[in-house]
């Protein structure tokens, strides 16, 4: 008998909930109330004022991030995955990969020029890669200026006569040679 009462009560409760839910307006999670203004012509997720494409800067970069151009986006993900596999799984270094790429480029040019002779075609003129001299001059000047500044600092520290600063700077710049020099001085300098 108590089971019948419990079952009737449960059925009445379910019917009441079902009736009240069907009377309410169904609202989607992503839907927000529409305003009467002309500006808000359509609803945006989380009440944003601008579209995501505009927030991401628009143009090609936003198209790639939003997968509007699937070929470019897929090639970007594939190349990032390839780089990750080469560096993380196969433990390659950048210089190793750069050397492999240069060697493969040389092999491709060699095969192309020799195959054109075998196929009775005129050899194509490959454009020469020439870097401007000013580039190397400016790099050399900036590196030389930094080296001179470092040497001037080391000379200032060594000429000031401050032993504590000398030991601190020496241990920072020459961590392996300073203890060896100190040990050699201890052995050779009489007390």
Protein backbone atom coordinates (compact mmCIF):
# COMPACT_ATOMS: atom_id res chain seq x y z
CA UNK A 1 0.00 0.00 0.00
CA UNK A 2 2.77 2.58 0.82
CA UNK A 3 4.42 1.67 -2.51
CA UNK A 4 1.23 2.61 -4.37
CA UNK A 5 1.08 5.99 -2.61
CA UNK A 6 4.75 6.68 -3.37
CA UNK A 7 4.26 5.73 -7.01
CA UNK A 8 1.18 7.97 -7.36
CA UNK A 9 2.99 10.85 -5.71
CA UNK A 10 5.99 10.42 -8.02
CA UNK A 11 3.75 10.30 -11.13
CA UNK A 12 1.92 13.47 -10.03
CA UNK A 13 5.24 15.23 -9.46
CA UNK A 14 6.55 14.21 -12.90
CA UNK A 15 3.33 15.37 -14.60
CA UNK A 16 3.44 18.71 -12.80
CA UNK A 17 7.05 19.32 -13.83
CA UNK A 18 6.34 18.28 -17.43
CA UNK A 19 3.37 20.64 -17.65
CA UNK A 20 5.29 23.59 -16.23
CA UNK A 21 8.27 23.02 -18.55
CA UNK A 22 6.12 22.84 -21.68
CA UNK A 23 4.43 26.15 -20.76
CA UNK A 24 7.76 27.98 -20.39
CA UNK A 25 9.54 29.58 -23.31
CA UNK A 26 12.40 27.35 -24.50
CA UNK A 27 15.64 29.31 -24.55
CA UNK A 28 18.92 28.05 -25.94
CA UNK A 29 22.09 28.37 -23.86
CA UNK A 30 23.76 30.52 -26.51
CA UNK A 31 20.74 32.72 -27.16
CA UNK A 32 20.37 36.07 -25.47
CA UNK A 33 17.48 38.52 -25.46
CA UNK A 34 17.13 40.54 -28.63
CA UNK A 35 17.20 44.28 -28.39
CA UNK A 36 15.27 46.61 -30.62
CA UNK A 37 18.33 48.39 -32.00
CA UNK A 38 19.44 47.94 -35.57
CA UNK A 39 23.07 47.33 -34.51
CA UNK A 40 22.37 43.99 -32.82
CA UNK A 41 21.01 42.17 -35.85
CA UNK A 42 22.07 38.77 -34.58
CA UNK A 43 23.04 37.18 -31.29
CA UNK A 44 26.65 36.64 -30.30
CA UNK A 45 28.12 34.17 -27.85
CA UNK A 46 28.78 35.56 -24.33
CA UNK A 47 27.32 38.97 -25.24
CA UNK A 48 30.26 40.18 -27.33
CA UNK A 49 29.99 43.49 -29.16
CA UNK A 50 32.39 42.63 -32.02
CA UNK A 51 32.77 39.40 -34.02
CA UNK A 52 35.66 37.04 -33.21
CA UNK A 53 37.16 37.61 -36.67
CA UNK A 54 37.45 41.33 -35.90
CA UNK A 55 38.84 40.67 -32.40
CA UNK A 56 41.58 38.46 -33.86
CA UNK A 57 42.67 41.29 -36.13
CA UNK A 58 40.83 40.31 -39.29
CA UNK A 59 42.59 39.35 -42.49
CA UNK A 60 44.54 36.18 -43.20
CA UNK A 61 45.71 35.55 -39.64
CA UNK A 62 42.15 35.50 -38.33
CA UNK A 63 41.11 33.28 -41.24
CA UNK A 64 43.83 30.79 -40.33
CA UNK A 65 42.95 30.81 -36.63
CA UNK A 66 39.24 30.39 -37.32
CA UNK A 67 39.82 27.71 -40.00
CA UNK A 68 38.05 29.69 -42.72
CA UNK A 69 40.76 28.75 -45.20
CA UNK A 70 41.13 25.05 -44.45
CA UNK A 71 44.16 24.40 -46.66
CA UNK A 72 46.30 27.10 -45.07
CA UNK A 73 45.18 26.17 -41.55
CA UNK A 74 45.85 22.47 -42.12
CA UNK A 75 49.28 23.18 -43.61
CA UNK A 76 50.12 25.39 -40.62
CA UNK A 77 49.11 22.65 -38.15
CA UNK A 78 50.98 20.00 -40.17
CA UNK A 79 54.17 22.08 -40.33
CA UNK A 80 54.01 22.88 -36.60
CA UNK A 81 53.52 19.17 -35.88
CA UNK A 82 56.46 18.26 -38.12
CA UNK A 83 58.70 20.80 -36.39
CA UNK A 84 57.62 19.49 -32.98
CA UNK A 85 58.33 15.88 -34.02
CA UNK A 86 61.76 16.78 -35.39
CA UNK A 87 62.84 18.78 -32.35
CA UNK A 88 61.19 16.82 -29.53
CA UNK A 89 60.99 13.20 -30.63
CA UNK A 90 63.98 12.92 -32.95
CA UNK A 91 66.16 15.35 -30.95
CA UNK A 92 67.33 17.31 -33.96
CA UNK A 93 68.88 20.73 -33.54
CA UNK A 94 68.28 23.78 -35.68
CA UNK A 95 71.77 23.77 -37.22
CA UNK A 96 71.44 20.10 -38.13
CA UNK A 97 68.16 20.73 -39.94
CA UNK A 98 69.58 23.82 -41.63
CA UNK A 99 72.57 21.81 -42.86
CA UNK A 100 70.29 19.05 -44.17
CA UNK A 101 68.16 21.62 -45.99
CA UNK A 102 71.22 23.21 -47.60
CA UNK A 103 72.59 19.83 -48.68
CA UNK A 104 69.22 18.81 -50.12
CA UNK A 105 69.05 22.12 -52.00
CA UNK A 106 72.51 21.54 -53.45
CA UNK A 107 71.61 17.98 -54.48
CA UNK A 108 68.38 19.18 -56.12
CA UNK A 109 70.25 21.87 -58.10
CA UNK A 110 72.92 19.37 -59.14
CA UNK A 111 70.39 16.79 -60.30
CA UNK A 112 68.31 19.44 -62.06
CA UNK A 113 71.26 20.84 -63.99
CA UNK A 114 72.56 17.38 -64.99
CA UNK A 115 69.10 16.03 -65.85
CA UNK A 116 68.43 18.99 -68.14
CA UNK A 117 71.48 17.99 -70.20
CA UNK A 118 70.27 14.39 -70.44
CA UNK A 119 66.77 15.44 -71.46
CA UNK A 120 68.10 17.74 -74.23
CA UNK A 121 66.78 20.85 -72.52
CA UNK A 122 68.65 24.04 -71.96
CA UNK A 123 69.88 24.39 -68.42
CA UNK A 124 67.90 26.91 -66.44
CA UNK A 125 69.69 29.81 -64.89
CA UNK A 126 69.35 29.65 -61.13
CA UNK A 127 69.32 33.08 -59.53
CA UNK A 128 72.37 33.77 -57.42
CA UNK A 129 71.94 34.49 -53.75
CA UNK A 130 74.07 37.49 -52.89
CA UNK A 131 74.03 39.05 -49.44
CA UNK A 132 74.99 42.71 -49.23
CA UNK A 133 78.34 43.63 -47.71
CA UNK A 134 76.75 46.31 -45.54
CA UNK A 135 74.87 43.61 -43.62
CA UNK A 136 78.07 41.91 -42.51
CA UNK A 137 79.81 45.21 -41.82
CA UNK A 138 76.99 46.32 -39.51
CA UNK A 139 76.90 42.92 -37.74
CA UNK A 140 80.69 43.02 -37.32
CA UNK A 141 80.60 46.54 -35.93
CA UNK A 142 77.87 45.76 -33.40
CA UNK A 143 79.56 42.53 -32.25
CA UNK A 144 82.92 44.30 -32.06
CA UNK A 145 81.42 47.12 -29.99
CA UNK A 146 79.91 44.63 -27.51
CA UNK A 147 83.19 42.68 -27.22
CA UNK A 148 85.12 45.93 -26.65
CA UNK A 149 82.63 47.01 -23.99
CA UNK A 150 82.98 43.65 -22.20
CA UNK A 151 86.77 43.79 -22.35
CA UNK A 152 86.74 47.36 -21.04
CA UNK A 153 84.59 46.26 -18.09
CA UNK A 154 86.91 43.35 -17.30
CA UNK A 155 89.94 45.65 -17.51
CA UNK A 156 88.28 48.18 -15.20
CA UNK A 157 87.57 45.44 -12.64
CA UNK A 158 91.11 44.09 -12.79
CA UNK A 159 92.77 47.53 -12.50
CA UNK A 160 90.70 48.86 -9.60
CA UNK A 161 92.38 46.59 -7.07
CA UNK A 162 89.13 45.49 -5.42
CA UNK A 163 89.75 41.78 -4.65
CA UNK A 164 86.15 40.99 -3.77
CA UNK A 165 84.79 42.43 -7.03
CA UNK A 166 87.58 40.74 -8.96
CA UNK A 167 86.69 37.34 -7.48
CA UNK A 168 82.96 37.84 -8.07
CA UNK A 169 83.42 38.89 -11.70
CA UNK A 170 86.05 36.23 -12.28
CA UNK A 171 83.81 33.51 -10.93
CA UNK A 172 80.97 34.70 -13.15
CA UNK A 173 82.92 34.95 -16.39
CA UNK A 174 85.49 32.22 -15.85
CA UNK A 175 84.01 29.65 -13.44
CA UNK A 176 86.39 26.84 -14.36
CA UNK A 177 89.62 28.82 -14.79
CA UNK A 178 89.43 30.97 -11.65
CA UNK A 179 89.77 28.05 -9.17
CA UNK A 180 92.57 26.59 -11.26
CA UNK A 181 94.40 29.93 -11.34
CA UNK A 182 93.90 30.37 -7.61
CA UNK A 183 95.24 26.86 -6.94
CA UNK A 184 98.28 27.46 -9.19
CA UNK A 185 99.00 30.75 -7.39
CA UNK A 186 98.72 29.01 -4.04
CA UNK A 187 101.23 26.39 -5.09
CA UNK A 188 103.72 28.79 -6.68
CA UNK A 189 103.58 31.96 -4.58
CA UNK A 190 105.60 31.68 -1.35
CA UNK A 191 103.76 32.47 1.85
